[in-house]
Amino acid sequence: HEADGDFFRLQPTVKLLINGEFKDSSTDSWINVTNPATQDVVSRLPLTTVAEFNAAVQAAKDAFPAWRATPVPTRQRVMLKFQELIRQNWVSPPAAAAAAAAA
């Protein structure tokens, strides 16, 4: 269906994080991320291209020596901050379903 294609193009897409930058993927292949409570498509996740995958792997390899040299307490603070951000931005499934129903 043409309408189905329009629906999926309108869903928010997840950007790739490569070398500290968020980038749109150039892939033609996507995975739909669904709300398990409602089965609604909430976003689309790219199946990266080989070049995107290789760039992400290389960026991770390049970043690793600096991360390894970072003192453990500093790494802990980074991970705890990450945890805090996840909790601050978490929307519980019942709240997300209620918000979707109200929209």
N, C-alpha and C. Protein backbone atom coordinates (compact mmCIF):
# COMPACT_ATOMS: atom_id res chain seq x y z
N HIS A 1 0.81 -1.20 0.00
CA HIS A 1 0.00 0.00 0.00
C HIS A 1 0.86 1.26 0.00
N GLU A 2 0.49 2.24 -0.78
CA GLU A 2 1.16 3.54 -0.75
C GLU A 2 0.95 4.19 0.60
N ALA A 3 -0.27 4.08 1.16
CA ALA A 3 -0.57 4.69 2.45
C ALA A 3 0.30 4.10 3.55
N ASP A 4 0.56 2.79 3.49
CA ASP A 4 1.43 2.17 4.49
C ASP A 4 2.82 2.77 4.43
N GLY A 5 3.34 2.99 3.24
CA GLY A 5 4.66 3.60 3.09
C GLY A 5 4.70 4.98 3.68
N ASP A 6 3.64 5.78 3.46
CA ASP A 6 3.57 7.12 4.04
C ASP A 6 3.56 7.04 5.56
N PHE A 7 2.81 6.10 6.13
CA PHE A 7 2.74 5.95 7.57
C PHE A 7 4.12 5.70 8.16
N PHE A 8 4.87 4.77 7.57
CA PHE A 8 6.17 4.43 8.12
C PHE A 8 7.18 5.55 7.91
N ARG A 9 7.08 6.30 6.82
CA ARG A 9 8.00 7.42 6.62
C ARG A 9 7.76 8.53 7.63
N LEU A 10 6.55 8.62 8.18
CA LEU A 10 6.22 9.67 9.14
C LEU A 10 6.64 9.34 10.56
N GLN A 11 7.00 8.09 10.84
CA GLN A 11 7.42 7.70 12.17
C GLN A 11 8.80 8.26 12.46
N PRO A 12 9.05 8.66 13.73
CA PRO A 12 10.39 9.15 14.06
C PRO A 12 11.44 8.06 13.86
N THR A 13 12.60 8.47 13.41
CA THR A 13 13.67 7.51 13.18
C THR A 13 14.78 7.73 14.21
N VAL A 14 15.47 6.65 14.54
CA VAL A 14 16.60 6.71 15.46
C VAL A 14 17.84 7.06 14.65
N LYS A 15 18.58 8.04 15.12
CA LYS A 15 19.82 8.42 14.45
C LYS A 15 20.96 7.53 14.93
N LEU A 16 21.99 7.44 14.12
CA LEU A 16 23.19 6.72 14.49
C LEU A 16 24.09 7.65 15.28
N LEU A 17 24.77 7.12 16.29
CA LEU A 17 25.76 7.89 17.04
C LEU A 17 27.12 7.34 16.67
N ILE A 18 27.84 8.10 15.85
CA ILE A 18 29.15 7.68 15.37
C ILE A 18 30.15 8.80 15.66
N ASN A 19 31.17 8.45 16.41
CA ASN A 19 32.23 9.40 16.74
C ASN A 19 31.68 10.65 17.42
N GLY A 20 30.71 10.45 18.31
CA GLY A 20 30.15 11.57 19.07
C GLY A 20 29.16 12.43 18.32
N GLU A 21 28.77 12.04 17.12
CA GLU A 21 27.82 12.82 16.33
C GLU A 21 26.62 11.97 15.96
N PHE A 22 25.43 12.57 16.07
CA PHE A 22 24.21 11.89 15.63
C PHE A 22 24.06 12.12 14.13
N LYS A 23 23.83 11.01 13.41
CA LYS A 23 23.74 11.08 11.95
C LYS A 23 22.54 10.28 11.46
N ASP A 24 21.93 10.75 10.40
CA ASP A 24 20.88 9.98 9.74
C ASP A 24 21.53 8.85 8.96
N SER A 25 20.90 7.68 8.99
CA SER A 25 21.42 6.55 8.23
C SER A 25 21.00 6.69 6.77
N SER A 26 21.82 6.15 5.89
CA SER A 26 21.48 6.15 4.47
C SER A 26 20.87 4.80 4.04
N THR A 27 20.52 3.97 5.00
CA THR A 27 19.99 2.65 4.70
C THR A 27 18.58 2.70 4.10
N ASP A 28 18.24 1.64 3.42
CA ASP A 28 16.87 1.45 2.93
C ASP A 28 16.12 0.45 3.79
N SER A 29 16.80 -0.13 4.78
CA SER A 29 16.22 -1.18 5.62
C SER A 29 16.04 -0.69 7.05
N TRP A 30 14.84 -0.82 7.56
CA TRP A 30 14.49 -0.32 8.89
C TRP A 30 13.74 -1.37 9.68
N ILE A 31 13.86 -1.30 11.01
CA ILE A 31 13.10 -2.14 11.92
C ILE A 31 12.11 -1.24 12.64
N ASN A 32 10.86 -1.64 12.68
CA ASN A 32 9.87 -0.88 13.42
C ASN A 32 9.99 -1.21 14.91
N VAL A 33 10.00 -0.16 15.73
CA VAL A 33 10.01 -0.32 17.18
C VAL A 33 8.57 -0.11 17.63
N THR A 34 8.02 -1.13 18.28
CA THR A 34 6.61 -1.07 18.66
C THR A 34 6.44 -0.98 20.17
N ASN A 35 5.38 -0.32 20.56
CA ASN A 35 4.97 -0.29 21.96
C ASN A 35 4.32 -1.63 22.25
N PRO A 36 4.88 -2.42 23.17
CA PRO A 36 4.31 -3.75 23.41
C PRO A 36 2.90 -3.73 23.98
N ALA A 37 2.53 -2.63 24.62
CA ALA A 37 1.19 -2.54 25.20
C ALA A 37 0.12 -2.29 24.14
N THR A 38 0.51 -1.55 23.09
CA THR A 38 -0.50 -1.15 22.09
C THR A 38 -0.21 -1.68 20.70
N GLN A 39 1.01 -2.16 20.49
CA GLN A 39 1.50 -2.61 19.18
C GLN A 39 1.63 -1.45 18.19
N ASP A 40 1.55 -0.22 18.66
CA ASP A 40 1.76 0.94 17.80
C ASP A 40 3.24 1.08 17.48
N VAL A 41 3.55 1.47 16.26
CA VAL A 41 4.93 1.76 15.88
C VAL A 41 5.27 3.12 16.47
N VAL A 42 6.32 3.14 17.31
CA VAL A 42 6.71 4.39 17.96
C VAL A 42 7.94 5.02 17.34
N SER A 43 8.75 4.23 16.67
CA SER A 43 9.90 4.77 15.94
C SER A 43 10.44 3.69 15.01
N ARG A 44 11.44 4.08 14.23
CA ARG A 44 12.07 3.14 13.30
C ARG A 44 13.56 3.16 13.54
N LEU A 45 14.15 1.96 13.55
CA LEU A 45 15.57 1.78 13.83
C LEU A 45 16.28 1.36 12.55
N PRO A 46 17.35 2.05 12.16
CA PRO A 46 18.02 1.70 10.91
C PRO A 46 18.84 0.42 11.02
N LEU A 47 18.79 -0.39 9.97
CA LEU A 47 19.76 -1.47 9.81
C LEU A 47 20.91 -0.84 9.04
N THR A 48 21.98 -0.54 9.72
CA THR A 48 23.06 0.26 9.15
C THR A 48 23.65 -0.34 7.89
N THR A 49 24.21 0.52 7.10
CA THR A 49 24.96 0.07 5.93
C THR A 49 26.31 -0.46 6.42
N VAL A 50 27.01 -1.18 5.57
CA VAL A 50 28.33 -1.69 5.93
C VAL A 50 29.27 -0.53 6.25
N ALA A 51 29.21 0.52 5.47
CA ALA A 51 30.09 1.68 5.70
C ALA A 51 29.78 2.34 7.05
N GLU A 52 28.50 2.47 7.39
CA GLU A 52 28.12 3.06 8.69
C GLU A 52 28.60 2.18 9.84
N PHE A 53 28.42 0.87 9.68
CA PHE A 53 28.86 -0.07 10.71
C PHE A 53 30.37 0.03 10.90
N ASN A 54 31.11 0.01 9.79
CA ASN A 54 32.57 0.09 9.87
C ASN A 54 33.03 1.41 10.50
N ALA A 55 32.35 2.51 10.18
CA ALA A 55 32.70 3.80 10.77
C ALA A 55 32.46 3.80 12.28
N ALA A 56 31.36 3.18 12.72
CA ALA A 56 31.07 3.10 14.16
C ALA A 56 32.10 2.25 14.89
N VAL A 57 32.45 1.12 14.29
CA VAL A 57 33.46 0.24 14.90
C VAL A 57 34.80 0.96 14.99
N GLN A 58 35.20 1.65 13.92
CA GLN A 58 36.48 2.36 13.93
C GLN A 58 36.47 3.47 14.97
N ALA A 59 35.37 4.21 15.08
CA ALA A 59 35.28 5.28 16.08
C ALA A 59 35.39 4.70 17.49
N ALA A 60 34.77 3.56 17.73
CA ALA A 60 34.86 2.92 19.04
C ALA A 60 36.30 2.47 19.33
N LYS A 61 36.94 1.90 18.33
CA LYS A 61 38.35 1.47 18.51
C LYS A 61 39.23 2.69 18.81
N ASP A 62 38.99 3.78 18.09
CA ASP A 62 39.79 4.98 18.29
C ASP A 62 39.57 5.59 19.67
N ALA A 63 38.35 5.50 20.19
CA ALA A 63 38.01 6.10 21.49
C ALA A 63 38.46 5.24 22.67
N PHE A 64 38.64 3.96 22.45
CA PHE A 64 38.90 3.05 23.56
C PHE A 64 40.16 3.38 24.36
N PRO A 65 41.30 3.70 23.74
CA PRO A 65 42.49 3.99 24.56
C PRO A 65 42.27 5.12 25.56
N ALA A 66 41.57 6.17 25.16
CA ALA A 66 41.31 7.28 26.08
C ALA A 66 40.36 6.84 27.20
N TRP A 67 39.34 6.05 26.85
CA TRP A 67 38.40 5.56 27.86
C TRP A 67 39.13 4.64 28.85
N ARG A 68 39.98 3.78 28.34
CA ARG A 68 40.74 2.85 29.19
C ARG A 68 41.65 3.63 30.14
N ALA A 69 42.19 4.76 29.68
CA ALA A 69 43.09 5.56 30.51
C ALA A 69 42.33 6.46 31.50
N THR A 70 41.02 6.56 31.36
CA THR A 70 40.22 7.37 32.26
C THR A 70 40.12 6.66 33.61
N PRO A 71 40.36 7.38 34.70
CA PRO A 71 40.28 6.74 36.02
C PRO A 71 38.89 6.12 36.27
N VAL A 72 38.89 5.01 36.98
CA VAL A 72 37.64 4.28 37.25
C VAL A 72 36.58 5.18 37.90
N PRO A 73 36.91 6.00 38.90
CA PRO A 73 35.85 6.85 39.49
C PRO A 73 35.21 7.80 38.46
N THR A 74 36.00 8.28 37.52
CA THR A 74 35.45 9.15 36.47
C THR A 74 34.52 8.36 35.56
N ARG A 75 34.93 7.15 35.19
CA ARG A 75 34.07 6.30 34.36
C ARG A 75 32.78 5.99 35.10
N GLN A 76 32.88 5.75 36.41
CA GLN A 76 31.67 5.48 37.20
C GLN A 76 30.72 6.67 37.16
N ARG A 77 31.28 7.88 37.30
CA ARG A 77 30.43 9.08 37.25
C ARG A 77 29.72 9.20 35.90
N VAL A 78 30.43 8.90 34.82
CA VAL A 78 29.84 8.95 33.49
C VAL A 78 28.67 7.97 33.40
N MET A 79 28.89 6.74 33.85
CA MET A 79 27.84 5.72 33.76
C MET A 79 26.66 6.04 34.68
N LEU A 80 26.94 6.60 35.87
CA LEU A 80 25.84 6.98 36.76
C LEU A 80 25.04 8.15 36.18
N LYS A 81 25.71 9.07 35.51
CA LYS A 81 25.01 10.16 34.84
C LYS A 81 24.13 9.62 33.72
N PHE A 82 24.66 8.66 32.98
CA PHE A 82 23.88 8.00 31.92
C PHE A 82 22.63 7.36 32.52
N GLN A 83 22.80 6.65 33.63
CA GLN A 83 21.66 6.03 34.32
C GLN A 83 20.65 7.09 34.75
N GLU A 84 21.12 8.20 35.30
CA GLU A 84 20.24 9.28 35.73
C GLU A 84 19.43 9.83 34.55
N LEU A 85 20.09 10.03 33.41
CA LEU A 85 19.40 10.56 32.24
C LEU A 85 18.34 9.59 31.73
N ILE A 86 18.65 8.30 31.77
CA ILE A 86 17.65 7.31 31.36
C ILE A 86 16.44 7.39 32.27
N ARG A 87 16.68 7.45 33.57
CA ARG A 87 15.56 7.50 34.53
C ARG A 87 14.76 8.79 34.38
N GLN A 88 15.42 9.92 34.13
CA GLN A 88 14.71 11.19 33.96
C GLN A 88 13.83 11.18 32.72
N ASN A 89 14.24 10.46 31.70
CA ASN A 89 13.51 10.47 30.43
C ASN A 89 12.66 9.23 30.22
N TRP A 90 12.60 8.37 31.21
CA TRP A 90 11.82 7.13 31.11
C TRP A 90 10.34 7.45 31.18
N VAL A 91 9.58 6.87 30.27
CA VAL A 91 8.13 6.94 30.30
C VAL A 91 7.65 5.52 30.52
N SER A 92 6.98 5.29 31.65
CA SER A 92 6.53 3.93 31.94
C SER A 92 5.54 3.47 30.88
N PRO A 93 5.51 2.17 30.58
CA PRO A 93 4.57 1.67 29.55
C PRO A 93 3.13 2.08 29.77
N PRO A 94 2.57 2.01 31.02
CA PRO A 94 1.18 2.46 31.17
C PRO A 94 1.00 3.95 30.87
N ALA A 95 1.97 4.77 31.26
CA ALA A 95 1.88 6.21 30.97
C ALA A 95 1.99 6.46 29.48
N ALA A 96 2.87 5.73 28.81
CA ALA A 96 3.02 5.90 27.36
C ALA A 96 1.75 5.48 26.65
N ALA A 97 1.13 4.39 27.09
CA ALA A 97 -0.11 3.93 26.47
C ALA A 97 -1.23 4.94 26.69
N ALA A 98 -1.29 5.52 27.89
CA ALA A 98 -2.32 6.53 28.18
C ALA A 98 -2.11 7.78 27.32
N ALA A 99 -0.85 8.19 27.18
CA ALA A 99 -0.55 9.36 26.35
C ALA A 99 -0.90 9.09 24.89
N ALA A 100 -0.62 7.90 24.41
CA ALA A 100 -0.95 7.55 23.02
C ALA A 100 -2.45 7.51 22.81
N ALA A 101 -3.18 7.00 23.80
CA ALA A 101 -4.63 6.92 23.69
C ALA A 101 -5.26 8.30 23.68
N ALA A 102 -4.66 9.22 24.41
CA ALA A 102 -5.20 10.58 24.49
C ALA A 102 -4.89 11.40 23.24
N ALA A 103 -3.91 10.98 22.47
CA ALA A 103 -3.49 11.75 21.29
C ALA A 103 -4.42 11.59 20.12
